[in-house]
PDB file of N, CA and C in Angstrom:
ATOM      1  N   ASP A   1      39.025   4.765   8.565  1.00  0.00           N
ATOM      2  CA  ASP A   1      39.707   4.372   7.348  1.00  0.00           C
ATOM      3  C   ASP A   1      38.831   3.456   6.491  1.00  0.00           C
ATOM      4  N   ASP A   2      38.099   2.559   7.154  1.00  0.00           N
ATOM      5  CA  ASP A   2      37.223   1.656   6.403  1.00  0.00           C
ATOM      6  C   ASP A   2      36.159   2.428   5.632  1.00  0.00           C
ATOM      7  N   LEU A   3      35.621   3.466   6.253  1.00  0.00           N
ATOM      8  CA  LEU A   3      34.604   4.274   5.578  1.00  0.00           C
ATOM      9  C   LEU A   3      35.175   4.973   4.350  1.00  0.00           C
ATOM     10  N   LEU A   4      36.399   5.431   4.443  1.00  0.00           N
ATOM     11  CA  LEU A   4      37.031   6.077   3.290  1.00  0.00           C
ATOM     12  C   LEU A   4      37.225   5.087   2.151  1.00  0.00           C
ATOM     13  N   GLU A   5      37.573   3.872   2.478  1.00  0.00           N
ATOM     14  CA  GLU A   5      37.736   2.838   1.452  1.00  0.00           C
ATOM     15  C   GLU A   5      36.406   2.527   0.778  1.00  0.00           C
ATOM     16  N   VAL A   6      35.356   2.428   1.569  1.00  0.00           N
ATOM     17  CA  VAL A   6      34.025   2.181   1.008  1.00  0.00           C
ATOM     18  C   VAL A   6      33.641   3.321   0.083  1.00  0.00           C
ATOM     19  N   ARG A   7      33.916   4.533   0.489  1.00  0.00           N
ATOM     20  CA  ARG A   7      33.575   5.716  -0.317  1.00  0.00           C
ATOM     21  C   ARG A   7      34.305   5.696  -1.662  1.00  0.00           C
ATOM     22  N   LYS A   8      35.512   5.198  -1.674  1.00  0.00           N
ATOM     23  CA  LYS A   8      36.293   5.146  -2.912  1.00  0.00           C
ATOM     24  C   LYS A   8      35.744   4.108  -3.886  1.00  0.00           C
ATOM     25  N   THR A   9      35.160   3.050  -3.367  1.00  0.00           N
ATOM     26  CA  THR A   9      34.713   1.952  -4.233  1.00  0.00           C
ATOM     27  C   THR A   9      33.219   1.959  -4.530  1.00  0.00           C
ATOM     28  N   LYS A  10      32.462   2.713  -3.816  1.00  0.00           N
ATOM     29  CA  LYS A  10      31.006   2.744  -4.005  1.00  0.00           C
ATOM     30  C   LYS A  10      30.569   4.112  -4.491  1.00  0.00           C
ATOM     31  N   SER A  11      29.534   4.108  -5.314  1.00  0.00           N
ATOM     32  CA  SER A  11      28.932   5.386  -5.703  1.00  0.00           C
ATOM     33  C   SER A  11      27.607   5.523  -4.967  1.00  0.00           C
ATOM     34  N   PHE A  12      27.268   6.724  -4.610  1.00  0.00           N
ATOM     35  CA  PHE A  12      26.063   6.983  -3.844  1.00  0.00           C
ATOM     36  C   PHE A  12      25.166   7.931  -4.621  1.00  0.00           C
ATOM     37  N   ALA A  13      23.874   7.664  -4.573  1.00  0.00           N
ATOM     38  CA  ALA A  13      22.902   8.543  -5.227  1.00  0.00           C
ATOM     39  C   ALA A  13      22.009   9.141  -4.154  1.00  0.00           C
ATOM     40  N   TYR A  14      21.675  10.385  -4.323  1.00  0.00           N
ATOM     41  CA  TYR A  14      20.834  11.078  -3.362  1.00  0.00           C
ATOM     42  C   TYR A  14      19.586  11.581  -4.062  1.00  0.00           C
ATOM     43  N   THR A  15      18.472  11.523  -3.367  1.00  0.00           N
ATOM     44  CA  THR A  15      17.240  12.093  -3.902  1.00  0.00           C
ATOM     45  C   THR A  15      16.768  13.172  -2.942  1.00  0.00           C
ATOM     46  N   GLU A  16      16.226  14.213  -3.506  1.00  0.00           N
ATOM     47  CA  GLU A  16      15.760  15.333  -2.703  1.00  0.00           C
ATOM     48  C   GLU A  16      14.520  14.930  -1.911  1.00  0.00           C
ATOM     49  N   VAL A  17      14.457  15.366  -0.680  1.00  0.00           N
ATOM     50  CA  VAL A  17      13.287  15.116   0.156  1.00  0.00           C
ATOM     51  C   VAL A  17      12.152  16.015  -0.333  1.00  0.00           C
ATOM     52  N   SER A  18      10.968  15.439  -0.452  1.00  0.00           N
ATOM     53  CA  SER A  18       9.823  16.189  -0.965  1.00  0.00           C
ATOM     54  C   SER A  18       9.418  17.314  -0.016  1.00  0.00           C
ATOM     55  N   LYS A  19       8.968  18.402  -0.608  1.00  0.00           N
ATOM     56  CA  LYS A  19       8.442  19.529   0.170  1.00  0.00           C
ATOM     57  C   LYS A  19       7.004  19.259   0.592  1.00  0.00           C
ATOM     58  N   TYR A  20       6.394  18.264  -0.025  1.00  0.00           N
ATOM     59  CA  TYR A  20       4.974  18.007   0.184  1.00  0.00           C
ATOM     60  C   TYR A  20       4.784  16.758   1.043  1.00  0.00           C
ATOM     61  N   PRO A  21       3.770  16.775   1.896  1.00  0.00           N
ATOM     62  CA  PRO A  21       3.612  15.680   2.860  1.00  0.00           C
ATOM     63  C   PRO A  21       3.099  14.389   2.233  1.00  0.00           C
ATOM     64  N   ALA A  22       3.526  13.301   2.823  1.00  0.00           N
ATOM     65  CA  ALA A  22       2.974  11.994   2.479  1.00  0.00           C
ATOM     66  C   ALA A  22       1.706  11.796   3.307  1.00  0.00           C
ATOM     67  N   VAL A  23       0.762  11.052   2.757  1.00  0.00           N
ATOM     68  CA  VAL A  23      -0.502  10.780   3.442  1.00  0.00           C
ATOM     69  C   VAL A  23      -0.686   9.270   3.497  1.00  0.00           C
ATOM     70  N   GLN A  24      -1.086   8.772   4.660  1.00  0.00           N
ATOM     71  CA  GLN A  24      -1.293   7.337   4.816  1.00  0.00           C
ATOM     72  C   GLN A  24      -2.764   7.025   5.028  1.00  0.00           C
ATOM     73  N   ARG A  25      -3.177   5.908   4.463  1.00  0.00           N
ATOM     74  CA  ARG A  25      -4.529   5.396   4.665  1.00  0.00           C
ATOM     75  C   ARG A  25      -4.426   3.897   4.920  1.00  0.00           C
ATOM     76  N   ASP A  26      -5.285   3.395   5.793  1.00  0.00           N
ATOM     77  CA  ASP A  26      -5.350   1.968   6.097  1.00  0.00           C
ATOM     78  C   ASP A  26      -6.639   1.391   5.548  1.00  0.00           C
ATOM     79  N   LEU A  27      -6.568   0.120   5.178  1.00  0.00           N
ATOM     80  CA  LEU A  27      -7.728  -0.571   4.644  1.00  0.00           C
ATOM     81  C   LEU A  27      -7.724  -1.990   5.184  1.00  0.00           C
ATOM     82  N   ALA A  28      -8.837  -2.417   5.773  1.00  0.00           N
ATOM     83  CA  ALA A  28      -8.978  -3.788   6.262  1.00  0.00           C
ATOM     84  C   ALA A  28      -9.858  -4.546   5.280  1.00  0.00           C
ATOM     85  N   LEU A  29      -9.296  -5.602   4.702  1.00  0.00           N
ATOM     86  CA  LEU A  29      -9.984  -6.383   3.681  1.00  0.00           C
ATOM     87  C   LEU A  29     -10.380  -7.744   4.234  1.00  0.00           C
ATOM     88  N   LEU A  30     -11.646  -8.105   4.081  1.00  0.00           N
ATOM     89  CA  LEU A  30     -12.115  -9.443   4.421  1.00  0.00           C
ATOM     90  C   LEU A  30     -12.008 -10.274   3.154  1.00  0.00           C
ATOM     91  N   LEU A  31     -11.199 -11.334   3.224  1.00  0.00           N
ATOM     92  CA  LEU A  31     -10.860 -12.119   2.040  1.00  0.00           C
ATOM     93  C   LEU A  31     -11.022 -13.605   2.284  1.00  0.00           C
ATOM     94  N   ASN A  32     -11.096 -14.364   1.201  1.00  0.00           N
ATOM     95  CA  ASN A  32     -11.002 -15.811   1.323  1.00  0.00           C
ATOM     96  C   ASN A  32      -9.611 -16.139   1.852  1.00  0.00           C
ATOM     97  N   ALA A  33      -9.512 -17.181   2.659  1.00  0.00           N
ATOM     98  CA  ALA A  33      -8.257 -17.516   3.329  1.00  0.00           C
ATOM     99  C   ALA A  33      -7.120 -17.834   2.362  1.00  0.00           C
ATOM    100  N   ASP A  34      -7.433 -18.203   1.130  1.00  0.00           N
ATOM    101  CA  ASP A  34      -6.374 -18.560   0.178  1.00  0.00           C
ATOM    102  C   ASP A  34      -5.785 -17.358  -0.569  1.00  0.00           C
ATOM    103  N   ILE A  35      -6.303 -16.161  -0.330  1.00  0.00           N
ATOM    104  CA  ILE A  35      -5.775 -14.955  -0.978  1.00  0.00           C
ATOM    105  C   ILE A  35      -4.508 -14.515  -0.242  1.00  0.00           C
ATOM    106  N   SER A  36      -3.453 -14.232  -0.998  1.00  0.00           N
ATOM    107  CA  SER A  36      -2.174 -13.838  -0.396  1.00  0.00           C
ATOM    108  C   SER A  36      -1.961 -12.329  -0.492  1.00  0.00           C
ATOM    109  N   TYR A  37      -1.015 -11.854   0.309  1.00  0.00           N
ATOM    110  CA  TYR A  37      -0.634 -10.443   0.244  1.00  0.00           C
ATOM    111  C   TYR A  37      -0.071 -10.113  -1.142  1.00  0.00           C
ATOM    112  N   ALA A  38       0.641 -11.048  -1.749  1.00  0.00           N
ATOM    113  CA  ALA A  38       1.194 -10.825  -3.093  1.00  0.00           C
ATOM    114  C   ALA A  38       0.078 -10.540  -4.097  1.00  0.00           C
ATOM    115  N   GLN A  39      -1.057 -11.198  -3.943  1.00  0.00           N
ATOM    116  CA  GLN A  39      -2.194 -10.956  -4.834  1.00  0.00           C
ATOM    117  C   GLN A  39      -2.771  -9.553  -4.619  1.00  0.00           C
ATOM    118  N   ILE A  40      -2.801  -9.110  -3.374  1.00  0.00           N
ATOM    119  CA  ILE A  40      -3.270  -7.752  -3.076  1.00  0.00           C
ATOM    120  C   ILE A  40      -2.326  -6.745  -3.730  1.00  0.00           C
ATOM    121  N   ARG A  41      -1.017  -6.923  -3.521  1.00  0.00           N
ATOM    122  CA  ARG A  41      -0.018  -6.022  -4.124  1.00  0.00           C
ATOM    123  C   ARG A  41      -0.169  -5.963  -5.638  1.00  0.00           C
ATOM    124  N   LYS A  42      -0.339  -7.126  -6.254  1.00  0.00           N
ATOM    125  CA  LYS A  42      -0.452  -7.189  -7.713  1.00  0.00           C
ATOM    126  C   LYS A  42      -1.685  -6.429  -8.193  1.00  0.00           C
ATOM    127  N   ALA A  43      -2.812  -6.619  -7.518  1.00  0.00           N
ATOM    128  CA  ALA A  43      -4.049  -5.932  -7.904  1.00  0.00           C
ATOM    129  C   ALA A  43      -3.895  -4.420  -7.774  1.00  0.00           C
ATOM    130  N   VAL A  44      -3.252  -3.977  -6.700  1.00  0.00           N
ATOM    131  CA  VAL A  44      -3.106  -2.538  -6.452  1.00  0.00           C
ATOM    132  C   VAL A  44      -2.052  -1.915  -7.370  1.00  0.00           C
ATOM    133  N   THR A  45      -0.906  -2.555  -7.508  1.00  0.00           N
ATOM    134  CA  THR A  45       0.133  -1.985  -8.376  1.00  0.00           C
ATOM    135  C   THR A  45      -0.305  -1.986  -9.835  1.00  0.00           C
ATOM    136  N   GLY A  46      -1.180  -2.890 -10.204  1.00  0.00           N
ATOM    137  CA  GLY A  46      -1.715  -2.921 -11.560  1.00  0.00           C
ATOM    138  C   GLY A  46      -2.544  -1.699 -11.907  1.00  0.00           C
ATOM    139  N   LEU A  47      -2.954  -0.947 -10.903  1.00  0.00           N
ATOM    140  CA  LEU A  47      -3.727   0.278 -11.132  1.00  0.00           C
ATOM    141  C   LEU A  47      -2.839   1.432 -11.606  1.00  0.00           C
ATOM    142  N   ASN A  48      -1.533   1.292 -11.428  1.00  0.00           N
ATOM    143  CA  ASN A  48      -0.568   2.320 -11.843  1.00  0.00           C
ATOM    144  C   ASN A  48      -0.902   3.708 -11.292  1.00  0.00           C
ATOM    145  N   ILE A  49      -1.141   3.772  -9.995  1.00  0.00           N
ATOM    146  CA  ILE A  49      -1.393   5.056  -9.333  1.00  0.00           C
ATOM    147  C   ILE A  49      -0.038   5.689  -9.033  1.00  0.00           C
ATOM    148  N   ALA A  50       0.294   6.749  -9.768  1.00  0.00           N
ATOM    149  CA  ALA A  50       1.624   7.361  -9.674  1.00  0.00           C
ATOM    150  C   ALA A  50       1.948   7.867  -8.271  1.00  0.00           C
ATOM    151  N   GLN A  51       0.948   8.345  -7.544  1.00  0.00           N
ATOM    152  CA  GLN A  51       1.185   8.924  -6.220  1.00  0.00           C
ATOM    153  C   GLN A  51       1.297   7.872  -5.115  1.00  0.00           C
ATOM    154  N   LEU A  52       1.032   6.616  -5.431  1.00  0.00           N
ATOM    155  CA  LEU A  52       1.130   5.551  -4.434  1.00  0.00           C
ATOM    156  C   LEU A  52       2.601   5.197  -4.237  1.00  0.00           C
ATOM    157  N   GLN A  53       3.130   5.494  -3.065  1.00  0.00           N
ATOM    158  CA  GLN A  53       4.549   5.293  -2.772  1.00  0.00           C
ATOM    159  C   GLN A  53       4.844   3.924  -2.170  1.00  0.00           C
ATOM    160  N   THR A  54       4.026   3.505  -1.193  1.00  0.00           N
ATOM    161  CA  THR A  54       4.271   2.222  -0.534  1.00  0.00           C
ATOM    162  C   THR A  54       2.964   1.507  -0.230  1.00  0.00           C
ATOM    163  N   ILE A  55       3.069   0.185  -0.172  1.00  0.00           N
ATOM    164  CA  ILE A  55       1.968  -0.687   0.235  1.00  0.00           C
ATOM    165  C   ILE A  55       2.561  -1.621   1.283  1.00  0.00           C
ATOM    166  N   LYS A  56       1.960  -1.644   2.483  1.00  0.00           N
ATOM    167  CA  LYS A  56       2.500  -2.476   3.561  1.00  0.00           C
ATOM    168  C   LYS A  56       1.385  -3.252   4.251  1.00  0.00           C
ATOM    169  N   LEU A  57       1.594  -4.538   4.391  1.00  0.00           N
ATOM    170  CA  LEU A  57       0.697  -5.374   5.181  1.00  0.00           C
ATOM    171  C   LEU A  57       1.081  -5.204   6.645  1.00  0.00           C
ATOM    172  N   PHE A  58       0.092  -4.877   7.508  1.00  0.00           N
ATOM    173  CA  PHE A  58       0.454  -4.714   8.921  1.00  0.00           C
ATOM    174  C   PHE A  58      -0.349  -5.581   9.873  1.00  0.00           C
ATOM    175  N   ASP A  59      -1.326  -6.340   9.357  1.00  0.00           N
ATOM    176  CA  ASP A  59      -2.070  -7.225  10.254  1.00  0.00           C
ATOM    177  C   ASP A  59      -2.790  -8.298   9.458  1.00  0.00           C
ATOM    178  N   ILE A  60      -2.790  -9.500  10.004  1.00  0.00           N
ATOM    179  CA  ILE A  60      -3.608 -10.597   9.483  1.00  0.00           C
ATOM    180  C   ILE A  60      -4.399 -11.129  10.666  1.00  0.00           C
ATOM    181  N   PHE A  61      -5.704 -11.228  10.492  1.00  0.00           N
ATOM    182  CA  PHE A  61      -6.574 -11.700  11.566  1.00  0.00           C
ATOM    183  C   PHE A  61      -7.416 -12.847  11.034  1.00  0.00           C
ATOM    184  N   GLU A  62      -7.375 -13.970  11.739  1.00  0.00           N
ATOM    185  CA  GLU A  62      -8.190 -15.121  11.371  1.00  0.00           C
ATOM    186  C   GLU A  62      -9.014 -15.528  12.585  1.00  0.00           C
ATOM    187  N   SER A  63     -10.301 -15.734  12.345  1.00  0.00           N
ATOM    188  CA  SER A  63     -11.204 -16.112  13.425  1.00  0.00           C
ATOM    189  C   SER A  63     -12.462 -16.726  12.825  1.00  0.00           C
ATOM    190  N   ASP A  64     -13.068 -17.627  13.576  1.00  0.00           N
ATOM    191  CA  ASP A  64     -14.343 -18.201  13.138  1.00  0.00           C
ATOM    192  C   ASP A  64     -15.412 -17.122  13.039  1.00  0.00           C
ATOM    193  N   LYS A  65     -15.242 -16.040  13.786  1.00  0.00           N
ATOM    194  CA  LYS A  65     -16.219 -14.947  13.760  1.00  0.00           C
ATOM    195  C   LYS A  65     -16.281 -14.266  12.391  1.00  0.00           C
ATOM    196  N   LEU A  66     -15.207 -14.373  11.609  1.00  0.00           N
ATOM    197  CA  LEU A  66     -15.184 -13.776  10.270  1.00  0.00           C
ATOM    198  C   LEU A  66     -15.942 -14.631   9.263  1.00  0.00           C
ATOM    199  N   GLY A  67     -16.111 -15.890   9.592  1.00  0.00           N
ATOM    200  CA  GLY A  67     -16.758 -16.827   8.687  1.00  0.00           C
ATOM    201  C   GLY A  67     -15.771 -17.913   8.285  1.00  0.00           C
ATOM    202  N   ALA A  68     -16.306 -19.048   7.895  1.00  0.00           N
ATOM    203  CA  ALA A  68     -15.462 -20.181   7.514  1.00  0.00           C
ATOM    204  C   ALA A  68     -14.640 -19.836   6.276  1.00  0.00           C
ATOM    205  N   GLY A  69     -13.345 -20.123   6.340  1.00  0.00           N
ATOM    206  CA  GLY A  69     -12.472 -19.893   5.197  1.00  0.00           C
ATOM    207  C   GLY A  69     -12.193 -18.436   4.901  1.00  0.00           C
ATOM    208  N   LYS A  70     -12.360 -17.568   5.906  1.00  0.00           N
ATOM    209  CA  LYS A  70     -12.144 -16.129   5.711  1.00  0.00           C
ATOM    210  C   LYS A  70     -11.009 -15.632   6.607  1.00  0.00           C
ATOM    211  N   LYS A  71     -10.395 -14.543   6.189  1.00  0.00           N
ATOM    212  CA  LYS A  71      -9.392 -13.855   7.010  1.00  0.00           C
ATOM    213  C   LYS A  71      -9.457 -12.369   6.693  1.00  0.00           C
ATOM    214  N   SER A  72      -8.920 -11.582   7.601  1.00  0.00           N
ATOM    215  CA  SER A  72      -8.848 -10.140   7.402  1.00  0.00           C
ATOM    216  C   SER A  72      -7.382  -9.753   7.268  1.00  0.00           C
ATOM    217  N   MET A  73      -7.092  -8.953   6.251  1.00  0.00           N
ATOM    218  CA  MET A  73      -5.739  -8.437   6.064  1.00  0.00           C
ATOM    219  C   MET A  73      -5.819  -6.913   6.068  1.00  0.00           C
ATOM    220  N   ALA A  74      -5.024  -6.294   6.930  1.00  0.00           N
ATOM    221  CA  ALA A  74      -5.004  -4.833   7.018  1.00  0.00           C
ATOM    222  C   ALA A  74      -3.760  -4.322   6.293  1.00  0.00           C
ATOM    223  N   VAL A  75      -3.995  -3.384   5.387  1.00  0.00           N
ATOM    224  CA  VAL A  75      -2.930  -2.885   4.525  1.00  0.00           C
ATOM    225  C   VAL A  75      -2.843  -1.366   4.659  1.00  0.00           C
ATOM    226  N   ASN A  76      -1.616  -0.861   4.704  1.00  0.00           N
ATOM    227  CA  ASN A  76      -1.354   0.574   4.778  1.00  0.00           C
ATOM    228  C   ASN A  76      -0.852   1.058   3.422  1.00  0.00           C
ATOM    229  N   PHE A  77      -1.403   2.180   2.975  1.00  0.00           N
ATOM    230  CA  PHE A  77      -1.010   2.786   1.705  1.00  0.00           C
ATOM    231  C   PHE A  77      -0.458   4.180   1.986  1.00  0.00           C
ATOM    232  N   THR A  78       0.675   4.512   1.385  1.00  0.00           N
ATOM    233  CA  THR A  78       1.256   5.844   1.512  1.00  0.00           C
ATOM    234  C   THR A  78       1.227   6.521   0.147  1.00  0.00           C
ATOM    235  N   PHE A  79       0.641   7.720   0.121  1.00  0.00           N
ATOM    236  CA  PHE A  79       0.522   8.503  -1.106  1.00  0.00           C
ATOM    237  C   PHE A  79       1.334   9.780  -0.966  1.00  0.00           C
ATOM    238  N   MET A  80       1.946  10.212  -2.072  1.00  0.00           N
ATOM    239  CA  MET A  80       2.655  11.483  -2.072  1.00  0.00           C
ATOM    240  C   MET A  80       2.817  11.949  -3.513  1.00  0.00           C
ATOM    241  N   ASP A  81       2.668  13.241  -3.699  1.00  0.00           N
ATOM    242  CA  ASP A  81       2.894  13.860  -5.001  1.00  0.00           C
ATOM    243  C   ASP A  81       4.075  14.806  -4.833  1.00  0.00           C
ATOM    244  N   SER A  82       5.051  14.717  -5.718  1.00  0.00           N
ATOM    245  CA  SER A  82       6.256  15.547  -5.579  1.00  0.00           C
ATOM    246  C   SER A  82       6.044  16.990  -6.016  1.00  0.00           C
ATOM    247  N   SER A  83       4.859  17.293  -6.578  1.00  0.00           N
ATOM    248  CA  SER A  83       4.639  18.653  -7.073  1.00  0.00           C
ATOM    249  C   SER A  83       3.567  19.431  -6.313  1.00  0.00           C
ATOM    250  N   LYS A  84       2.848  18.757  -5.408  1.00  0.00           N
ATOM    251  CA  LYS A  84       1.787  19.457  -4.676  1.00  0.00           C
ATOM    252  C   LYS A  84       1.326  18.627  -3.485  1.00  0.00           C
ATOM    253  N   THR A  85       0.562  19.259  -2.611  1.00  0.00           N
ATOM    254  CA  THR A  85      -0.074  18.555  -1.505  1.00  0.00           C
ATOM    255  C   THR A  85      -1.351  17.909  -2.027  1.00  0.00           C
ATOM    256  N   LEU A  86      -1.511  16.625  -1.761  1.00  0.00           N
ATOM    257  CA  LEU A  86      -2.714  15.924  -2.201  1.00  0.00           C
ATOM    258  C   LEU A  86      -3.910  16.350  -1.359  1.00  0.00           C
ATOM    259  N   THR A  87      -5.057  16.488  -1.998  1.00  0.00           N
ATOM    260  CA  THR A  87      -6.286  16.838  -1.282  1.00  0.00           C
ATOM    261  C   THR A  87      -6.974  15.562  -0.809  1.00  0.00           C
ATOM    262  N   ASP A  88      -7.873  15.707   0.162  1.00  0.00           N
ATOM    263  CA  ASP A  88      -8.653  14.558   0.628  1.00  0.00           C
ATOM    264  C   ASP A  88      -9.433  13.942  -0.524  1.00  0.00           C
ATOM    265  N   LYS A  89      -9.971  14.783  -1.392  1.00  0.00           N
ATOM    266  CA  LYS A  89     -10.747  14.290  -2.532  1.00  0.00           C
ATOM    267  C   LYS A  89      -9.879  13.423  -3.448  1.00  0.00           C
ATOM    268  N   GLU A  90      -8.658  13.858  -3.725  1.00  0.00           N
ATOM    269  CA  GLU A  90      -7.753  13.080  -4.580  1.00  0.00           C
ATOM    270  C   GLU A  90      -7.399  11.744  -3.935  1.00  0.00           C
ATOM    271  N   ILE A  91      -7.134  11.771  -2.642  1.00  0.00           N
ATOM    272  CA  ILE A  91      -6.790  10.541  -1.930  1.00  0.00           C
ATOM    273  C   ILE A  91      -7.992   9.605  -1.896  1.00  0.00           C
ATOM    274  N   ASP A  92      -9.182  10.156  -1.644  1.00  0.00           N
ATOM    275  CA  ASP A  92     -10.399   9.337  -1.641  1.00  0.00           C
ATOM    276  C   ASP A  92     -10.633   8.681  -2.998  1.00  0.00           C
ATOM    277  N   GLU A  93     -10.341   9.399  -4.089  1.00  0.00           N
ATOM    278  CA  GLU A  93     -10.493   8.828  -5.431  1.00  0.00           C
ATOM    279  C   GLU A  93      -9.526   7.665  -5.645  1.00  0.00           C
ATOM    280  N   MET A  94      -8.284   7.828  -5.202  1.00  0.00           N
ATOM    281  CA  MET A  94      -7.295   6.754  -5.334  1.00  0.00           C
ATOM    282  C   MET A  94      -7.687   5.552  -4.478  1.00  0.00           C
ATOM    283  N   MET A  95      -8.141   5.818  -3.252  1.00  0.00           N
ATOM    284  CA  MET A  95      -8.579   4.720  -2.390  1.00  0.00           C
ATOM    285  C   MET A  95      -9.801   4.026  -2.986  1.00  0.00           C
ATOM    286  N   GLY A  96     -10.679   4.786  -3.623  1.00  0.00           N
ATOM    287  CA  GLY A  96     -11.840   4.200  -4.289  1.00  0.00           C
ATOM    288  C   GLY A  96     -11.426   3.221  -5.373  1.00  0.00           C
ATOM    289  N   LYS A  97     -10.391   3.559  -6.129  1.00  0.00           N
ATOM    290  CA  LYS A  97      -9.877   2.656  -7.167  1.00  0.00           C
ATOM    291  C   LYS A  97      -9.294   1.393  -6.544  1.00  0.00           C
ATOM    292  N   ILE A  98      -8.575   1.562  -5.442  1.00  0.00           N
ATOM    293  CA  ILE A  98      -7.979   0.417  -4.748  1.00  0.00           C
ATOM    294  C   ILE A  98      -9.074  -0.495  -4.210  1.00  0.00           C
ATOM    295  N   ILE A  99     -10.100   0.093  -3.611  1.00  0.00           N
ATOM    296  CA  ILE A  99     -11.218  -0.693  -3.075  1.00  0.00           C
ATOM    297  C   ILE A  99     -11.930  -1.432  -4.195  1.00  0.00           C
ATOM    298  N   ALA A 100     -12.218  -0.737  -5.301  1.00  0.00           N
ATOM    299  CA  ALA A 100     -12.915  -1.368  -6.426  1.00  0.00           C
ATOM    300  C   ALA A 100     -12.109  -2.532  -6.995  1.00  0.00           C
ATOM    301  N   ALA A 101     -10.799  -2.361  -7.145  1.00  0.00           N
ATOM    302  CA  ALA A 101      -9.948  -3.434  -7.663  1.00  0.00           C
ATOM    303  C   ALA A 101      -9.904  -4.608  -6.691  1.00  0.00           C
ATOM    304  N   SER A 102      -9.864  -4.318  -5.390  1.00  0.00           N
ATOM    305  CA  SER A 102      -9.834  -5.378  -4.375  1.00  0.00           C
ATOM    306  C   SER A 102     -11.126  -6.181  -4.398  1.00  0.00           C
ATOM    307  N   GLU A 103     -12.242  -5.488  -4.542  1.00  0.00           N
ATOM    308  CA  GLU A 103     -13.536  -6.173  -4.589  1.00  0.00           C
ATOM    309  C   GLU A 103     -13.666  -7.005  -5.862  1.00  0.00           C
ATOM    310  N   LYS A 104     -13.316  -6.415  -6.997  1.00  0.00           N
ATOM    311  CA  LYS A 104     -13.503  -7.082  -8.285  1.00  0.00           C
ATOM    312  C   LYS A 104     -12.509  -8.224  -8.503  1.00  0.00           C
ATOM    313  N   GLN A 105     -11.236  -7.964  -8.266  1.00  0.00           N
ATOM    314  CA  GLN A 105     -10.203  -8.953  -8.573  1.00  0.00           C
ATOM    315  C   GLN A 105      -9.998  -9.999  -7.484  1.00  0.00           C
ATOM    316  N   LEU A 106     -10.246  -9.617  -6.235  1.00  0.00           N
ATOM    317  CA  LEU A 106      -9.950 -10.513  -5.116  1.00  0.00           C
ATOM    318  C   LEU A 106     -11.190 -10.988  -4.374  1.00  0.00           C
ATOM    319  N   GLY A 107     -12.349 -10.436  -4.713  1.00  0.00           N
ATOM    320  CA  GLY A 107     -13.574 -10.786  -3.996  1.00  0.00           C
ATOM    321  C   GLY A 107     -13.581 -10.262  -2.574  1.00  0.00           C
ATOM    322  N   ALA A 108     -12.855  -9.187  -2.328  1.00  0.00           N
ATOM    323  CA  ALA A 108     -12.719  -8.638  -0.974  1.00  0.00           C
ATOM    324  C   ALA A 108     -13.965  -7.875  -0.555  1.00  0.00           C
ATOM    325  N   GLU A 109     -14.182  -7.869   0.740  1.00  0.00           N
ATOM    326  CA  GLU A 109     -15.175  -6.991   1.362  1.00  0.00           C
ATOM    327  C   GLU A 109     -14.389  -6.044   2.260  1.00  0.00           C
ATOM    328  N   ILE A 110     -14.841  -4.808   2.343  1.00  0.00           N
ATOM    329  CA  ILE A 110     -14.156  -3.829   3.181  1.00  0.00           C
ATOM    330  C   ILE A 110     -14.701  -3.927   4.598  1.00  0.00           C
ATOM    331  N   ARG A 111     -13.802  -4.144   5.562  1.00  0.00           N
ATOM    332  CA  ARG A 111     -14.208  -4.182   6.973  1.00  0.00           C
ATOM    333  C   ARG A 111     -14.270  -2.769   7.489  1.00  0.00           C
ATOM    334  N   LYS A 112     -15.346  -2.463   8.185  1.00  0.00           N
ATOM    335  CA  LYS A 112     -15.505  -1.105   8.722  1.00  0.00           C
ATOM    336  C   LYS A 112     -15.319  -1.102  10.213  1.00  0.00           C
TER     337      LYS A 112
END
């Protein structure tokens, strides 16, 4: 009965599940310790990559081995196009833009 009441008072929107696969890529960034995840998000979302669906921080590593005042942040990116399957070349181009923005705006180095 409670569910029926909720249904009467709430409206629900549905979106169609894409026929095309999502692709994930990870990137480990070596950054100054004062750089935040919010700054990474801002730099990446500022690129306005339409196929970029999600950005998720999944690891922060701090150690003297990285250098004084440095930390590593590992970020996962999910790409998907609703009209086609993305090619490796297209994904590499988008990741190249993300890497370039991270290096230029945040002073990041890419950890390999």
